[in-house]
Structures are given as structure tokens and as C-alpha cells.
Amino acid sequence: MKKIERRAFICLALALLLAAGLGFFLVKYFLDGGSWASSAFNRHLYNSSGQLASGTVLDRDGDVLSEVVDGQRTYYDNATVRKATLHAVGDLQGNIGTGALNAFADKLTGYSLLNGAFGAQRGNDLYLTIDARYNYTAYEALGGKSGTVAVYNYETGEILCMVSAPSYDPLNVPEDITTNDRYKGAYLNRFLSSTFTPGSVYKTVTLAAALEEIPDLADRTWTCSGSVQMGDETIICSGTHGEQDI
């Protein structure tokens, strides 16, 4: 009798473990199914060159920034636009992890929990909020310097322009991109992943907030010692101004 009870207990424990494992898998499936299906290891969605072989990325006006033609992913027909929108769209090799081709691969392939990547043959159209014309103008204005330019509609949350430099042409990747300092940080989207000391133009925003939120602003003074600690960052002032009022 005890032997039967022991076996029954073991079977019950195994059944509970199986149920727990199945439950864990289902939770992971619902949470991560899209990223599993759109993984670069999925040969049904990626061609032999490792390029996402379905889906079209467009700007807010419907201009095609990247699409698949005859099984090969291609980009806008203007090299400067390709460079200006590279970090928003993504590259062919997947080095820019924040680009749309990587970040929204499940949306581009038409993945769903019930049907899987049902639209993999053609994929979906993905409209970005950026405008290719604004990106072109911003990239030209940088003049080869490293940095980022962005235009943000605070009322809607739309990012109209997002340029990061240095950049490169995704259809003509420089052979020395990993060794030439000119391309240092080219895989990094500086708008999303870098921090910058606020420039003087931002003083107007700070002043507007102070006028709105500090009742006795006109009677207060501050002491500029040349730097200020903000969390783990030290903000350096161009001079040591001593006691200042508004």
C-alpha cells in the first residue's frame, strides 16, 4: 500500500512539474513569441544573406525607405537619404539594434500569436513618423560632424526627424568601418542612446518652467561654482559665475 502511495505521489509531483513547465512556456510564448518568430535564425523570414526578406518601411508621407525586391532588401534611391535615415530604419547586417528592421521585425513579417508569421511572403507596411526630407536637411546641416538632430512634436509624441552621425550608406558599407575613426560609433543611434550636456538654447525651456513653477523666483539667488552634480553626471559650466539671480 505504501509503495502505491509513493508512486502516486511521484506521479502527482511529475504532473505538477509538467503543468508548471507548460504554463511557463505559454507565458513566454505570449510575451516573446514575436521575437522568437522574427529571430535572424528563422530561415523562413530571412534570406541567405541574413536580411529580413519581408515587410516595407515607409516615412510619414509614404516614401519607401526600405523594401524587398526580388528577395533582396533595398533602400531609398538617394544615398544621402539612406545615410540620414539609417539609424531609424536599420542596416542589413542587424548591427543597429534600435532600427525598425530589427526592433519591429515581428510587425514587418505580419506575425500573430494565432497564425504565426502569416504574412511572411510579402510582410506588412510599417509607417514611421519621421519625414525623409527633414532627415535629409538635418544630415546635410551636420556637415560630417558627429552628433544627433531631432524634431519632436510634443503634442502628439511623434518624432519627425531623427538623425545620428556618423552614418554610412547601408548599400555601400565602408570596408574600414570598424577601423576608421571617422565611423566610430556609427552603429549607435545617438538620439536614443547618448547623453549630452544641455546647450544654451535649452535655457529658454528651463526659464519658462521656472517662471511657471517657482512663485518667489524674482527674490531667489543661486551660486554657480563651475559645476553641478546631477545623479551620476557632472554638468560643467563654461565659467564660475558666483551668486546669480534670475
C-alpha atoms as a PDB file:
ATOM      1  CA  MET A   1       0.000   0.000   0.000  1.00  0.00           C
ATOM      2  CA  LYS A   2       2.796   2.421   0.927  1.00  0.00           C
ATOM      3  CA  LYS A   3       4.564   1.610  -2.342  1.00  0.00           C
ATOM      4  CA  ILE A   4       1.406   2.526  -4.309  1.00  0.00           C
ATOM      5  CA  GLU A   5       1.043   5.782  -2.368  1.00  0.00           C
ATOM      6  CA  ARG A   6       4.681   6.646  -3.009  1.00  0.00           C
ATOM      7  CA  ARG A   7       4.267   6.029  -6.734  1.00  0.00           C
ATOM      8  CA  ALA A   8       1.082   8.074  -6.803  1.00  0.00           C
ATOM      9  CA  PHE A   9       2.873  10.943  -5.046  1.00  0.00           C
ATOM     10  CA  ILE A  10       5.745  10.800  -7.555  1.00  0.00           C
ATOM     11  CA  CYS A  11       3.295  10.797 -10.487  1.00  0.00           C
ATOM     12  CA  LEU A  12       1.447  13.765  -8.986  1.00  0.00           C
ATOM     13  CA  ALA A  13       4.713  15.673  -8.495  1.00  0.00           C
ATOM     14  CA  LEU A  14       5.744  14.969 -12.085  1.00  0.00           C
ATOM     15  CA  ALA A  15       2.325  16.086 -13.350  1.00  0.00           C
ATOM     16  CA  LEU A  16       2.611  19.335 -11.385  1.00  0.00           C
ATOM     17  CA  LEU A  17       6.104  19.943 -12.772  1.00  0.00           C
ATOM     18  CA  LEU A  18       4.811  19.297 -16.287  1.00  0.00           C
ATOM     19  CA  ALA A  19       1.906  21.702 -15.770  1.00  0.00           C
ATOM     20  CA  ALA A  20       4.241  24.348 -14.330  1.00  0.00           C
ATOM     21  CA  GLY A  21       6.644  23.958 -17.248  1.00  0.00           C
ATOM     22  CA  LEU A  22       3.805  24.166 -19.758  1.00  0.00           C
ATOM     23  CA  GLY A  23       2.440  27.258 -18.017  1.00  0.00           C
ATOM     24  CA  PHE A  24       5.886  28.899 -18.051  1.00  0.00           C
ATOM     25  CA  PHE A  25       6.263  28.136 -21.756  1.00  0.00           C
ATOM     26  CA  LEU A  26       2.840  29.613 -22.568  1.00  0.00           C
ATOM     27  CA  VAL A  27       3.653  32.811 -20.666  1.00  0.00           C
ATOM     28  CA  LYS A  28       6.992  33.125 -22.500  1.00  0.00           C
ATOM     29  CA  TYR A  29       5.222  32.386 -25.784  1.00  0.00           C
ATOM     30  CA  PHE A  30       2.723  35.196 -25.278  1.00  0.00           C
ATOM     31  CA  LEU A  31       5.438  37.616 -24.154  1.00  0.00           C
ATOM     32  CA  ASP A  32       8.276  36.684 -26.516  1.00  0.00           C
ATOM     33  CA  GLY A  33       6.631  34.807 -29.389  1.00  0.00           C
ATOM     34  CA  GLY A  34       7.113  37.713 -31.754  1.00  0.00           C
ATOM     35  CA  SER A  35      10.848  37.976 -31.114  1.00  0.00           C
ATOM     36  CA  TRP A  36      11.234  34.184 -31.409  1.00  0.00           C
ATOM     37  CA  ALA A  37       9.471  34.104 -34.771  1.00  0.00           C
ATOM     38  CA  SER A  38      11.369  37.116 -36.119  1.00  0.00           C
ATOM     39  CA  SER A  39      14.778  35.878 -34.978  1.00  0.00           C
ATOM     40  CA  ALA A  40      17.508  36.053 -37.602  1.00  0.00           C
ATOM     41  CA  PHE A  41      17.852  32.265 -37.255  1.00  0.00           C
ATOM     42  CA  ASN A  42      14.394  31.809 -38.811  1.00  0.00           C
ATOM     43  CA  ARG A  43      15.278  30.949 -42.411  1.00  0.00           C
ATOM     44  CA  HIS A  44      11.636  31.386 -43.480  1.00  0.00           C
ATOM     45  CA  LEU A  45      11.844  35.131 -42.792  1.00  0.00           C
ATOM     46  CA  TYR A  46      15.477  35.920 -43.618  1.00  0.00           C
ATOM     47  CA  ASN A  47      17.291  35.322 -46.899  1.00  0.00           C
ATOM     48  CA  SER A  48      20.668  33.646 -47.315  1.00  0.00           C
ATOM     49  CA  SER A  49      22.406  36.977 -46.657  1.00  0.00           C
ATOM     50  CA  GLY A  50      20.722  37.346 -43.279  1.00  0.00           C
ATOM     51  CA  GLN A  51      18.406  40.142 -44.478  1.00  0.00           C
ATOM     52  CA  LEU A  52      14.787  40.380 -43.354  1.00  0.00           C
ATOM     53  CA  ALA A  53      13.042  39.217 -46.526  1.00  0.00           C
ATOM     54  CA  SER A  54       9.585  40.703 -45.971  1.00  0.00           C
ATOM     55  CA  GLY A  55       7.991  43.989 -44.999  1.00  0.00           C
ATOM     56  CA  THR A  56       8.278  47.577 -46.201  1.00  0.00           C
ATOM     57  CA  VAL A  57       9.387  50.578 -44.124  1.00  0.00           C
ATOM     58  CA  LEU A  58       7.966  53.962 -45.160  1.00  0.00           C
ATOM     59  CA  ASP A  59       8.190  57.513 -43.858  1.00  0.00           C
ATOM     60  CA  ARG A  60       5.149  59.555 -42.769  1.00  0.00           C
ATOM     61  CA  ASP A  61       4.422  60.624 -46.370  1.00  0.00           C
ATOM     62  CA  GLY A  62       4.561  57.099 -47.756  1.00  0.00           C
ATOM     63  CA  ASP A  63       8.030  57.342 -49.293  1.00  0.00           C
ATOM     64  CA  VAL A  64       9.588  53.870 -49.242  1.00  0.00           C
ATOM     65  CA  LEU A  65      12.726  53.846 -47.095  1.00  0.00           C
ATOM     66  CA  SER A  66      13.344  50.097 -47.320  1.00  0.00           C
ATOM     67  CA  GLU A  67      11.617  47.247 -49.150  1.00  0.00           C
ATOM     68  CA  VAL A  68      12.290  43.803 -50.580  1.00  0.00           C
ATOM     69  CA  VAL A  69      12.820  43.490 -54.338  1.00  0.00           C
ATOM     70  CA  ASP A  70      13.383  40.032 -55.870  1.00  0.00           C
ATOM     71  CA  GLY A  71      14.198  38.584 -52.462  1.00  0.00           C
ATOM     72  CA  GLN A  72      16.800  41.249 -51.605  1.00  0.00           C
ATOM     73  CA  ARG A  73      16.253  44.134 -49.208  1.00  0.00           C
ATOM     74  CA  THR A  74      16.973  47.534 -50.683  1.00  0.00           C
ATOM     75  CA  TYR A  75      16.723  51.166 -49.591  1.00  0.00           C
ATOM     76  CA  TYR A  76      15.730  54.629 -50.825  1.00  0.00           C
ATOM     77  CA  ASP A  77      17.342  55.552 -54.156  1.00  0.00           C
ATOM     78  CA  ASN A  78      19.174  58.613 -52.758  1.00  0.00           C
ATOM     79  CA  ALA A  79      22.435  57.915 -50.900  1.00  0.00           C
ATOM     80  CA  THR A  80      22.120  60.934 -48.588  1.00  0.00           C
ATOM     81  CA  VAL A  81      18.589  59.939 -47.568  1.00  0.00           C
ATOM     82  CA  ARG A  82      19.850  56.412 -46.900  1.00  0.00           C
ATOM     83  CA  LYS A  83      22.531  57.786 -44.586  1.00  0.00           C
ATOM     84  CA  ALA A  84      20.126  60.230 -42.942  1.00  0.00           C
ATOM     85  CA  THR A  85      17.521  57.568 -42.159  1.00  0.00           C
ATOM     86  CA  LEU A  86      19.884  54.659 -41.475  1.00  0.00           C
ATOM     87  CA  HIS A  87      19.528  54.662 -37.690  1.00  0.00           C
ATOM     88  CA  ALA A  88      15.745  54.922 -37.874  1.00  0.00           C
ATOM     89  CA  VAL A  89      15.402  52.169 -40.480  1.00  0.00           C
ATOM     90  CA  GLY A  90      18.299  49.865 -39.573  1.00  0.00           C
ATOM     91  CA  ASP A  91      21.068  48.171 -41.530  1.00  0.00           C
ATOM     92  CA  LEU A  92      21.237  44.914 -43.472  1.00  0.00           C
ATOM     93  CA  GLN A  93      23.507  43.153 -41.001  1.00  0.00           C
ATOM     94  CA  GLY A  94      21.471  43.979 -37.882  1.00  0.00           C
ATOM     95  CA  ASN A  95      24.275  45.925 -36.203  1.00  0.00           C
ATOM     96  CA  ILE A  96      21.911  48.819 -35.406  1.00  0.00           C
ATOM     97  CA  GLY A  97      19.662  47.129 -32.879  1.00  0.00           C
ATOM     98  CA  THR A  98      17.300  50.091 -32.457  1.00  0.00           C
ATOM     99  CA  GLY A  99      16.446  50.332 -36.165  1.00  0.00           C
ATOM    100  CA  ALA A 100      12.933  49.462 -37.360  1.00  0.00           C
ATOM    101  CA  LEU A 101      14.121  46.379 -39.270  1.00  0.00           C
ATOM    102  CA  ASN A 102      15.292  44.873 -36.002  1.00  0.00           C
ATOM    103  CA  ALA A 103      13.011  46.429 -33.382  1.00  0.00           C
ATOM    104  CA  PHE A 104       9.796  45.851 -35.364  1.00  0.00           C
ATOM    105  CA  ALA A 105      10.710  42.682 -37.253  1.00  0.00           C
ATOM    106  CA  ASP A 106       7.619  40.875 -35.939  1.00  0.00           C
ATOM    107  CA  LYS A 107       5.370  43.698 -37.199  1.00  0.00           C
ATOM    108  CA  LEU A 108       7.060  43.711 -40.614  1.00  0.00           C
ATOM    109  CA  THR A 109       6.648  39.959 -41.054  1.00  0.00           C
ATOM    110  CA  GLY A 110       2.966  40.051 -40.048  1.00  0.00           C
ATOM    111  CA  TYR A 111       3.432  37.812 -37.002  1.00  0.00           C
ATOM    112  CA  SER A 112       0.438  36.989 -34.785  1.00  0.00           C
ATOM    113  CA  LEU A 113       0.046  34.647 -31.800  1.00  0.00           C
ATOM    114  CA  LEU A 114      -2.606  32.555 -33.552  1.00  0.00           C
ATOM    115  CA  ASN A 115      -1.235  32.304 -37.077  1.00  0.00           C
ATOM    116  CA  GLY A 116       2.475  32.881 -36.609  1.00  0.00           C
ATOM    117  CA  ALA A 117       4.247  34.794 -39.387  1.00  0.00           C
ATOM    118  CA  PHE A 118       1.266  34.512 -41.717  1.00  0.00           C
ATOM    119  CA  GLY A 119       2.344  37.442 -43.893  1.00  0.00           C
ATOM    120  CA  ALA A 120       5.929  36.355 -44.362  1.00  0.00           C
ATOM    121  CA  GLN A 121       5.575  36.103 -48.143  1.00  0.00           C
ATOM    122  CA  ARG A 122       5.130  39.854 -48.527  1.00  0.00           C
ATOM    123  CA  GLY A 123       5.045  41.188 -44.982  1.00  0.00           C
ATOM    124  CA  ASN A 124       3.430  44.337 -43.663  1.00  0.00           C
ATOM    125  CA  ASP A 125       3.916  48.023 -44.346  1.00  0.00           C
ATOM    126  CA  LEU A 126       5.402  49.897 -41.388  1.00  0.00           C
ATOM    127  CA  TYR A 127       4.963  53.669 -41.402  1.00  0.00           C
ATOM    128  CA  LEU A 128       7.437  55.701 -39.336  1.00  0.00           C
ATOM    129  CA  THR A 129       6.638  59.192 -38.056  1.00  0.00           C
ATOM    130  CA  ILE A 130       9.853  60.637 -39.489  1.00  0.00           C
ATOM    131  CA  ASP A 131       9.920  62.673 -42.697  1.00  0.00           C
ATOM    132  CA  ALA A 132      12.738  61.731 -45.091  1.00  0.00           C
ATOM    133  CA  ARG A 133      13.030  65.367 -46.233  1.00  0.00           C
ATOM    134  CA  TYR A 134      13.636  66.638 -42.700  1.00  0.00           C
ATOM    135  CA  ASN A 135      16.221  63.925 -42.104  1.00  0.00           C
ATOM    136  CA  TYR A 136      17.980  64.819 -45.353  1.00  0.00           C
ATOM    137  CA  THR A 137      18.175  68.503 -44.384  1.00  0.00           C
ATOM    138  CA  ALA A 138      19.360  67.727 -40.853  1.00  0.00           C
ATOM    139  CA  TYR A 139      22.045  65.313 -42.047  1.00  0.00           C
ATOM    140  CA  GLU A 140      23.374  67.868 -44.520  1.00  0.00           C
ATOM    141  CA  ALA A 141      23.413  70.526 -41.773  1.00  0.00           C
ATOM    142  CA  LEU A 142      25.648  68.346 -39.581  1.00  0.00           C
ATOM    143  CA  GLY A 143      28.306  68.672 -42.268  1.00  0.00           C
ATOM    144  CA  GLY A 144      30.123  65.465 -41.419  1.00  0.00           C
ATOM    145  CA  LYS A 145      30.290  66.158 -37.682  1.00  0.00           C
ATOM    146  CA  SER A 146      29.300  63.601 -35.053  1.00  0.00           C
ATOM    147  CA  GLY A 147      26.063  64.271 -33.219  1.00  0.00           C
ATOM    148  CA  THR A 148      22.315  63.987 -33.495  1.00  0.00           C
ATOM    149  CA  VAL A 149      19.447  66.135 -34.745  1.00  0.00           C
ATOM    150  CA  ALA A 150      15.830  65.502 -33.802  1.00  0.00           C
ATOM    151  CA  VAL A 151      12.485  67.222 -34.249  1.00  0.00           C
ATOM    152  CA  TYR A 152       9.754  66.160 -31.838  1.00  0.00           C
ATOM    153  CA  ASN A 153       6.060  67.081 -31.792  1.00  0.00           C
ATOM    154  CA  TYR A 154       5.384  67.390 -28.068  1.00  0.00           C
ATOM    155  CA  GLU A 155       1.615  67.461 -28.626  1.00  0.00           C
ATOM    156  CA  THR A 156       1.402  64.107 -30.420  1.00  0.00           C
ATOM    157  CA  GLY A 157       4.626  62.404 -29.357  1.00  0.00           C
ATOM    158  CA  GLU A 158       5.684  61.993 -32.986  1.00  0.00           C
ATOM    159  CA  ILE A 159       9.371  62.113 -33.880  1.00  0.00           C
ATOM    160  CA  LEU A 160       9.500  63.944 -37.203  1.00  0.00           C
ATOM    161  CA  CYS A 161      13.274  63.870 -37.621  1.00  0.00           C
ATOM    162  CA  MET A 162      15.879  61.546 -36.098  1.00  0.00           C
ATOM    163  CA  VAL A 163      19.394  61.761 -37.499  1.00  0.00           C
ATOM    164  CA  SER A 164      22.524  60.286 -35.949  1.00  0.00           C
ATOM    165  CA  ALA A 165      26.083  60.778 -37.176  1.00  0.00           C
ATOM    166  CA  PRO A 166      28.491  59.367 -38.104  1.00  0.00           C
ATOM    167  CA  SER A 167      26.441  57.347 -40.546  1.00  0.00           C
ATOM    168  CA  TYR A 168      27.098  55.387 -43.720  1.00  0.00           C
ATOM    169  CA  ASP A 169      25.342  54.087 -46.815  1.00  0.00           C
ATOM    170  CA  PRO A 170      23.786  50.694 -45.950  1.00  0.00           C
ATOM    171  CA  LEU A 171      24.048  49.628 -49.595  1.00  0.00           C
ATOM    172  CA  ASN A 172      27.776  50.502 -49.724  1.00  0.00           C
ATOM    173  CA  VAL A 173      29.196  49.721 -46.295  1.00  0.00           C
ATOM    174  CA  PRO A 174      32.760  51.115 -45.951  1.00  0.00           C
ATOM    175  CA  GLU A 175      35.381  48.380 -45.771  1.00  0.00           C
ATOM    176  CA  ASP A 176      37.161  50.196 -42.936  1.00  0.00           C
ATOM    177  CA  ILE A 177      34.056  50.920 -40.862  1.00  0.00           C
ATOM    178  CA  THR A 178      35.465  49.050 -37.845  1.00  0.00           C
ATOM    179  CA  THR A 179      38.959  50.581 -38.027  1.00  0.00           C
ATOM    180  CA  ASN A 180      38.456  54.138 -39.289  1.00  0.00           C
ATOM    181  CA  ASP A 181      37.835  56.697 -36.516  1.00  0.00           C
ATOM    182  CA  ARG A 182      35.603  58.564 -38.942  1.00  0.00           C
ATOM    183  CA  TYR A 183      32.957  55.872 -38.372  1.00  0.00           C
ATOM    184  CA  LYS A 184      33.452  55.483 -34.632  1.00  0.00           C
ATOM    185  CA  GLY A 185      30.025  54.936 -33.093  1.00  0.00           C
ATOM    186  CA  ALA A 186      28.320  54.531 -36.475  1.00  0.00           C
ATOM    187  CA  TYR A 187      26.176  51.661 -35.163  1.00  0.00           C
ATOM    188  CA  LEU A 188      24.939  53.799 -32.261  1.00  0.00           C
ATOM    189  CA  ASN A 189      21.776  55.879 -32.531  1.00  0.00           C
ATOM    190  CA  ARG A 190      22.956  58.913 -30.602  1.00  0.00           C
ATOM    191  CA  PHE A 191      19.436  60.297 -30.251  1.00  0.00           C
ATOM    192  CA  LEU A 192      18.230  57.200 -28.395  1.00  0.00           C
ATOM    193  CA  SER A 193      21.382  56.010 -26.657  1.00  0.00           C
ATOM    194  CA  SER A 194      23.655  59.002 -25.923  1.00  0.00           C
ATOM    195  CA  THR A 195      23.598  61.769 -23.328  1.00  0.00           C
ATOM    196  CA  PHE A 196      24.517  65.385 -23.987  1.00  0.00           C
ATOM    197  CA  THR A 197      25.095  68.418 -21.792  1.00  0.00           C
ATOM    198  CA  PRO A 198      22.181  70.841 -22.370  1.00  0.00           C
ATOM    199  CA  GLY A 199      23.139  73.724 -24.668  1.00  0.00           C
ATOM    200  CA  SER A 200      22.312  77.412 -24.179  1.00  0.00           C
ATOM    201  CA  VAL A 201      19.201  77.169 -26.350  1.00  0.00           C
ATOM    202  CA  TYR A 202      17.675  74.995 -23.650  1.00  0.00           C
ATOM    203  CA  LYS A 203      17.861  77.864 -21.158  1.00  0.00           C
ATOM    204  CA  THR A 204      14.588  79.199 -22.569  1.00  0.00           C
ATOM    205  CA  VAL A 205      12.845  75.938 -21.653  1.00  0.00           C
ATOM    206  CA  THR A 206      14.367  75.976 -18.152  1.00  0.00           C
ATOM    207  CA  LEU A 207      13.393  79.622 -17.644  1.00  0.00           C
ATOM    208  CA  ALA A 208       9.818  79.014 -18.797  1.00  0.00           C
ATOM    209  CA  ALA A 209       9.493  76.109 -16.354  1.00  0.00           C
ATOM    210  CA  ALA A 210      10.981  78.201 -13.526  1.00  0.00           C
ATOM    211  CA  LEU A 211       8.598  81.117 -14.176  1.00  0.00           C
ATOM    212  CA  GLU A 212       5.688  78.702 -14.092  1.00  0.00           C
ATOM    213  CA  GLU A 213       6.676  76.598 -11.080  1.00  0.00           C
ATOM    214  CA  ILE A 214       8.678  78.856  -8.680  1.00  0.00           C
ATOM    215  CA  PRO A 215       6.462  81.571  -7.097  1.00  0.00           C
ATOM    216  CA  ASP A 216       9.310  83.596  -5.498  1.00  0.00           C
ATOM    217  CA  LEU A 217      11.667  83.280  -8.456  1.00  0.00           C
ATOM    218  CA  ALA A 218      12.479  87.014  -8.595  1.00  0.00           C
ATOM    219  CA  ASP A 219      13.640  87.010  -4.949  1.00  0.00           C
ATOM    220  CA  ARG A 220      15.848  83.919  -5.080  1.00  0.00           C
ATOM    221  CA  THR A 221      19.568  83.604  -5.780  1.00  0.00           C
ATOM    222  CA  TRP A 222      21.812  80.726  -6.835  1.00  0.00           C
ATOM    223  CA  THR A 223      25.546  80.187  -6.562  1.00  0.00           C
ATOM    224  CA  CYS A 224      27.445  78.997  -9.636  1.00  0.00           C
ATOM    225  CA  SER A 225      30.592  77.153  -8.557  1.00  0.00           C
ATOM    226  CA  GLY A 226      31.525  75.981 -12.051  1.00  0.00           C
ATOM    227  CA  SER A 227      29.801  72.588 -11.949  1.00  0.00           C
ATOM    228  CA  VAL A 228      26.807  70.769 -10.532  1.00  0.00           C
ATOM    229  CA  GLN A 229      26.271  67.102  -9.784  1.00  0.00           C
ATOM    230  CA  MET A 230      23.112  65.567 -11.309  1.00  0.00           C
ATOM    231  CA  GLY A 231      22.885  61.928 -10.276  1.00  0.00           C
ATOM    232  CA  ASP A 232      25.994  60.218 -11.630  1.00  0.00           C
ATOM    233  CA  GLU A 233      26.744  63.022 -14.095  1.00  0.00           C
ATOM    234  CA  THR A 234      28.710  66.243 -13.535  1.00  0.00           C
ATOM    235  CA  ILE A 235      27.474  69.229 -15.565  1.00  0.00           C
ATOM    236  CA  ILE A 236      30.323  71.672 -16.244  1.00  0.00           C
ATOM    237  CA  CYS A 237      29.644  75.401 -16.654  1.00  0.00           C
ATOM    238  CA  SER A 238      31.797  77.472 -19.017  1.00  0.00           C
ATOM    239  CA  GLY A 239      32.722  79.737 -16.103  1.00  0.00           C
ATOM    240  CA  THR A 240      32.372  80.259 -12.352  1.00  0.00           C
ATOM    241  CA  HIS A 241      29.760  82.990 -12.033  1.00  0.00           C
ATOM    242  CA  GLY A 242      29.283  83.100  -8.268  1.00  0.00           C
ATOM    243  CA  GLU A 243      25.976  84.388  -6.901  1.00  0.00           C
ATOM    244  CA  GLN A 244      23.303  84.923  -9.551  1.00  0.00           C
ATOM    245  CA  ASP A 245      19.648  85.917  -9.653  1.00  0.00           C
ATOM    246  CA  ILE A 246      17.144  85.416 -12.429  1.00  0.00           C
END
